[in-house]
């Protein structure tokens, strides 16, 4: 069963965590990552015009910095509001060269992966909202949430293609092995994401302090980044 019911029935005050507060902070971290990745990518292009840059080394260094900074969140939960945004910046700098390289190999992979990742997450949130007063198994939340994400992706690609943005649908150019691998990745990453949502709901039920919203948002944010990176590596496997 899930913890969906209590979150909408337990009263929260300005001194306790709220689900809306956690989600808003999580979206802020995602936005910081996207902006950092974009700026880092443009910076890499400028530097590359003057000198050869090992983007893999830069990516690994940024990832190492993100891991070192993010690690402190487990020991200083109240200070996550400073740690999480800084980690998001480093993760953006780490993802940028990876995404840029894969975009050259598989055009359109970055936008496809981003839409699918956010679509799946939004699908899961919708499931928690609409089944708040019902009991439902966790795996149904994952399955239906993934289906919503896929539908959002296909509709978005259809609209982009209508405006002359030539983006292939995920099923084009892939074999059975890819399909199985994609399903495995989705299952693992989605249920990790659901586990983090359940963790957030549990903290709200226990009426944790509002200052822990950043810590909970950081946990959700990391599950989204994990899903995004996993999908990037899987979706690049074209025939």
Protein backbone atom coordinates (compact mmCIF):
# COMPACT_ATOMS: atom_id res chain seq x y z
CA UNK A 1 0.00 0.00 0.00
CA UNK A 2 1.03 3.64 -0.27
CA UNK A 3 1.12 6.63 2.06
CA UNK A 4 -0.95 8.74 -0.34
CA UNK A 5 -3.96 9.20 1.94
CA UNK A 6 -2.41 10.96 4.98
CA UNK A 7 -0.68 13.69 3.03
CA UNK A 8 -3.96 15.31 2.06
CA UNK A 9 -5.58 14.88 5.45
CA UNK A 10 -2.85 15.83 7.90
CA UNK A 11 -2.88 19.54 8.62
CA UNK A 12 0.40 21.35 8.16
CA UNK A 13 1.51 24.65 9.57
CA UNK A 14 4.23 27.07 8.56
CA UNK A 15 6.54 25.18 10.92
CA UNK A 16 6.02 21.73 9.40
CA UNK A 17 6.75 20.18 6.02
CA UNK A 18 4.24 20.39 3.17
CA UNK A 19 4.16 18.34 0.00
CA UNK A 20 3.79 21.47 -2.13
CA UNK A 21 6.85 23.01 -0.51
CA UNK A 22 8.94 19.92 -1.20
CA UNK A 23 7.84 19.70 -4.85
CA UNK A 24 8.46 23.41 -5.49
CA UNK A 25 11.97 23.14 -4.11
CA UNK A 26 12.58 20.01 -6.17
CA UNK A 27 11.54 21.84 -9.35
CA UNK A 28 13.88 24.68 -8.43
CA UNK A 29 16.78 22.22 -8.23
CA UNK A 30 15.83 20.78 -11.63
CA UNK A 31 15.74 24.29 -13.09
CA UNK A 32 19.16 25.09 -11.62
CA UNK A 33 20.56 21.91 -13.17
CA UNK A 34 19.14 22.71 -16.61
CA UNK A 35 20.47 26.28 -16.52
CA UNK A 36 23.88 25.15 -15.28
CA UNK A 37 24.05 22.47 -17.98
CA UNK A 38 23.14 24.98 -20.68
CA UNK A 39 25.67 27.56 -19.52
CA UNK A 40 28.34 24.89 -19.11
CA UNK A 41 27.68 23.58 -22.61
CA UNK A 42 28.05 27.05 -24.12
CA UNK A 43 31.22 27.54 -22.10
CA UNK A 44 32.66 24.26 -23.37
CA UNK A 45 31.97 25.37 -26.95
CA UNK A 46 33.78 28.67 -26.40
CA UNK A 47 36.78 27.03 -24.78
CA UNK A 48 36.97 24.37 -27.48
CA UNK A 49 37.46 27.06 -30.12
CA UNK A 50 40.76 28.00 -28.49
CA UNK A 51 42.00 24.76 -27.00
CA UNK A 52 41.25 21.07 -27.00
CA UNK A 53 39.13 20.11 -24.00
CA UNK A 54 38.70 16.63 -22.58
CA UNK A 55 34.97 16.81 -21.87
CA UNK A 56 34.95 13.39 -20.23
CA UNK A 57 37.52 14.56 -17.69
CA UNK A 58 35.56 17.75 -17.06
CA UNK A 59 32.37 15.74 -16.61
CA UNK A 60 33.99 13.36 -14.14
CA UNK A 61 35.52 16.23 -12.15
CA UNK A 62 32.15 17.98 -11.91
CA UNK A 63 30.50 14.70 -10.90
CA UNK A 64 33.15 14.16 -8.22
CA UNK A 65 32.53 17.70 -6.91
CA UNK A 66 28.76 17.10 -6.86
CA UNK A 67 29.23 13.84 -4.95
CA UNK A 68 31.53 15.47 -2.39
CA UNK A 69 29.21 18.42 -1.79
CA UNK A 70 26.02 16.36 -1.81
CA UNK A 71 27.48 13.88 0.66
CA UNK A 72 27.34 16.53 3.41
CA UNK A 73 23.54 16.69 3.13
CA UNK A 74 23.29 13.37 4.98
CA UNK A 75 25.08 14.86 7.99
CA UNK A 76 23.81 18.44 7.89
CA UNK A 77 20.16 18.05 6.91
CA UNK A 78 19.21 21.52 8.11
CA UNK A 79 21.81 23.04 5.74
CA UNK A 80 20.57 21.20 2.65
CA UNK A 81 19.08 24.48 1.38
CA UNK A 82 22.69 25.53 0.67
CA UNK A 83 24.10 22.12 -0.23
CA UNK A 84 21.39 21.05 -2.71
CA UNK A 85 21.59 24.06 -5.09
CA UNK A 86 25.39 23.85 -5.20
CA UNK A 87 25.17 20.12 -5.94
CA UNK A 88 22.65 20.87 -8.71
CA UNK A 89 25.12 23.29 -10.32
CA UNK A 90 27.90 20.70 -10.32
CA UNK A 91 25.56 18.00 -11.66
CA UNK A 92 24.51 20.35 -14.46
CA UNK A 93 28.15 20.90 -15.37
CA UNK A 94 28.70 17.13 -15.28
CA UNK A 95 25.68 16.25 -17.43
CA UNK A 96 26.30 18.95 -20.06
CA UNK A 97 29.27 17.33 -21.90
CA UNK A 98 27.67 13.90 -21.70
CA UNK A 99 24.39 15.15 -23.15
CA UNK A 100 26.21 17.18 -25.82
CA UNK A 101 28.19 14.11 -26.94
CA UNK A 102 25.12 11.87 -27.06
CA UNK A 103 23.17 14.54 -28.95
CA UNK A 104 25.77 14.32 -31.73
CA UNK A 105 25.45 10.54 -31.80
CA UNK A 106 21.64 10.45 -31.56
CA UNK A 107 20.03 13.79 -32.54
CA UNK A 108 17.08 14.68 -30.34
CA UNK A 109 18.04 12.34 -27.50
CA UNK A 110 18.37 15.15 -24.93
CA UNK A 111 14.88 16.56 -25.44
CA UNK A 112 13.37 13.05 -25.62
CA UNK A 113 15.04 12.02 -22.37
CA UNK A 114 14.12 15.23 -20.56
CA UNK A 115 10.45 15.04 -21.61
CA UNK A 116 10.20 11.34 -20.71
CA UNK A 117 11.84 11.87 -17.32
CA UNK A 118 9.63 14.79 -16.31
CA UNK A 119 6.59 13.12 -17.88
CA UNK A 120 7.06 9.99 -15.77
CA UNK A 121 7.52 12.06 -12.63
CA UNK A 122 4.42 14.14 -13.35
CA UNK A 123 2.51 10.92 -14.05
CA UNK A 124 3.48 9.56 -10.65
CA UNK A 125 2.43 12.80 -8.95
CA UNK A 126 -0.92 12.69 -10.76
CA UNK A 127 -1.45 9.15 -9.54
CA UNK A 128 -0.80 10.21 -5.94
CA UNK A 129 -3.22 13.10 -6.35
CA UNK A 130 -6.10 11.17 -7.90
CA UNK A 131 -5.85 8.10 -5.66
CA UNK A 132 -5.42 10.08 -2.44
CA UNK A 133 -8.62 8.64 -0.97
CA UNK A 134 -8.19 5.13 -2.31
CA UNK A 135 -5.93 2.24 -1.50
CA UNK A 136 -3.78 1.16 -4.40
CA UNK A 137 -0.71 -0.99 -4.80
CA UNK A 138 2.59 0.79 -5.37
CA UNK A 139 3.30 -1.06 -8.60
CA UNK A 140 0.14 0.39 -10.17
CA UNK A 141 1.41 3.88 -9.42
CA UNK A 142 4.66 3.02 -11.18
CA UNK A 143 3.02 1.36 -14.18
CA UNK A 144 0.38 4.02 -14.81
CA UNK A 145 2.87 6.82 -14.07
CA UNK A 146 5.25 5.38 -16.69
CA UNK A 147 2.41 5.09 -19.20
CA UNK A 148 1.47 8.73 -18.65
CA UNK A 149 5.10 9.74 -19.19
CA UNK A 150 5.28 7.80 -22.47
CA UNK A 151 2.02 9.34 -23.70
CA UNK A 152 3.28 12.83 -22.86
CA UNK A 153 6.51 12.08 -24.75
CA UNK A 154 4.76 10.86 -27.92
CA UNK A 155 2.33 13.77 -27.94
CA UNK A 156 5.18 16.25 -27.49
CA UNK A 157 7.22 14.69 -30.31
CA UNK A 158 4.15 14.77 -32.55
CA UNK A 159 3.68 18.48 -31.86
CA UNK A 160 7.40 19.22 -32.42
CA UNK A 161 7.35 17.33 -35.72
CA UNK A 162 4.37 19.40 -36.83
CA UNK A 163 6.54 22.48 -36.32
CA UNK A 164 9.32 21.00 -38.49
CA UNK A 165 11.47 19.71 -35.61
CA UNK A 166 12.54 16.32 -36.94
CA UNK A 167 12.70 14.10 -33.85
CA UNK A 168 12.37 10.34 -34.08
CA UNK A 169 9.98 8.49 -31.82
CA UNK A 170 11.69 6.26 -29.21
CA UNK A 171 10.53 3.03 -30.88
CA UNK A 172 12.16 3.97 -34.20
CA UNK A 173 15.54 2.37 -34.84
CA UNK A 174 15.65 0.10 -31.81
CA UNK A 175 15.59 -3.67 -31.40
CA UNK A 176 14.02 -6.04 -28.88
CA UNK A 177 17.11 -5.93 -26.66
CA UNK A 178 16.76 -2.16 -26.39
CA UNK A 179 13.09 -2.44 -25.48
CA UNK A 180 13.79 -4.93 -22.68
CA UNK A 181 16.67 -2.82 -21.39
CA UNK A 182 14.52 0.32 -21.41
CA UNK A 183 11.79 -1.44 -19.44
CA UNK A 184 14.31 -2.67 -16.84
CA UNK A 185 15.76 0.82 -16.43
CA UNK A 186 12.31 2.36 -16.12
CA UNK A 187 11.24 -0.17 -13.51
CA UNK A 188 14.35 0.31 -11.35
CA UNK A 189 14.45 4.09 -11.60
CA UNK A 190 10.69 4.64 -11.26
CA UNK A 191 10.36 2.56 -8.11
CA UNK A 192 13.36 4.34 -6.61
CA UNK A 193 11.51 7.58 -7.34
CA UNK A 194 8.32 6.21 -5.76
CA UNK A 195 10.29 5.14 -2.69
CA UNK A 196 11.52 8.73 -2.32
CA UNK A 197 7.97 10.07 -2.70
CA UNK A 198 6.82 7.65 0.00
CA UNK A 199 9.68 8.88 2.19
CA UNK A 200 8.48 12.47 1.73
CA UNK A 201 4.90 11.51 2.57
CA UNK A 202 6.04 9.71 5.70
CA UNK A 203 7.97 12.76 6.88
CA UNK A 204 4.90 14.93 6.37
CA UNK A 205 2.72 12.48 8.30
CA UNK A 206 5.23 12.71 11.16
CA UNK A 207 5.02 16.52 10.92
CA UNK A 208 8.72 17.06 10.46
CA UNK A 209 10.10 20.59 10.62
CA UNK A 210 9.68 22.76 7.52
CA UNK A 211 13.45 23.20 7.26
CA UNK A 212 13.68 19.54 6.23
CA UNK A 213 11.74 20.26 3.02
CA UNK A 214 15.03 20.91 1.25
CA UNK A 215 16.41 17.55 2.36
CA UNK A 216 13.32 15.73 1.07
CA UNK A 217 13.34 17.73 -2.16
CA UNK A 218 17.01 16.83 -2.61
CA UNK A 219 16.20 13.12 -2.32
CA UNK A 220 13.46 13.43 -4.96
CA UNK A 221 15.74 15.48 -7.19
CA UNK A 222 18.48 12.85 -7.13
CA UNK A 223 16.02 10.15 -8.20
CA UNK A 224 15.00 12.30 -11.18
CA UNK A 225 18.64 12.86 -12.18
CA UNK A 226 19.27 9.13 -11.88
CA UNK A 227 16.32 8.36 -14.16
CA UNK A 228 17.48 10.99 -16.67
CA UNK A 229 21.04 9.68 -16.88
CA UNK A 230 19.87 6.06 -17.09
CA UNK A 231 17.54 6.90 -19.95
CA UNK A 232 20.29 8.83 -21.75
CA UNK A 233 22.53 5.77 -21.81
CA UNK A 234 19.71 3.44 -22.85
CA UNK A 235 18.21 5.66 -25.54
CA UNK A 236 21.58 6.05 -27.29
CA UNK A 237 21.49 2.36 -28.25
CA UNK A 238 20.15 2.74 -31.76
CA UNK A 239 20.71 0.15 -34.46
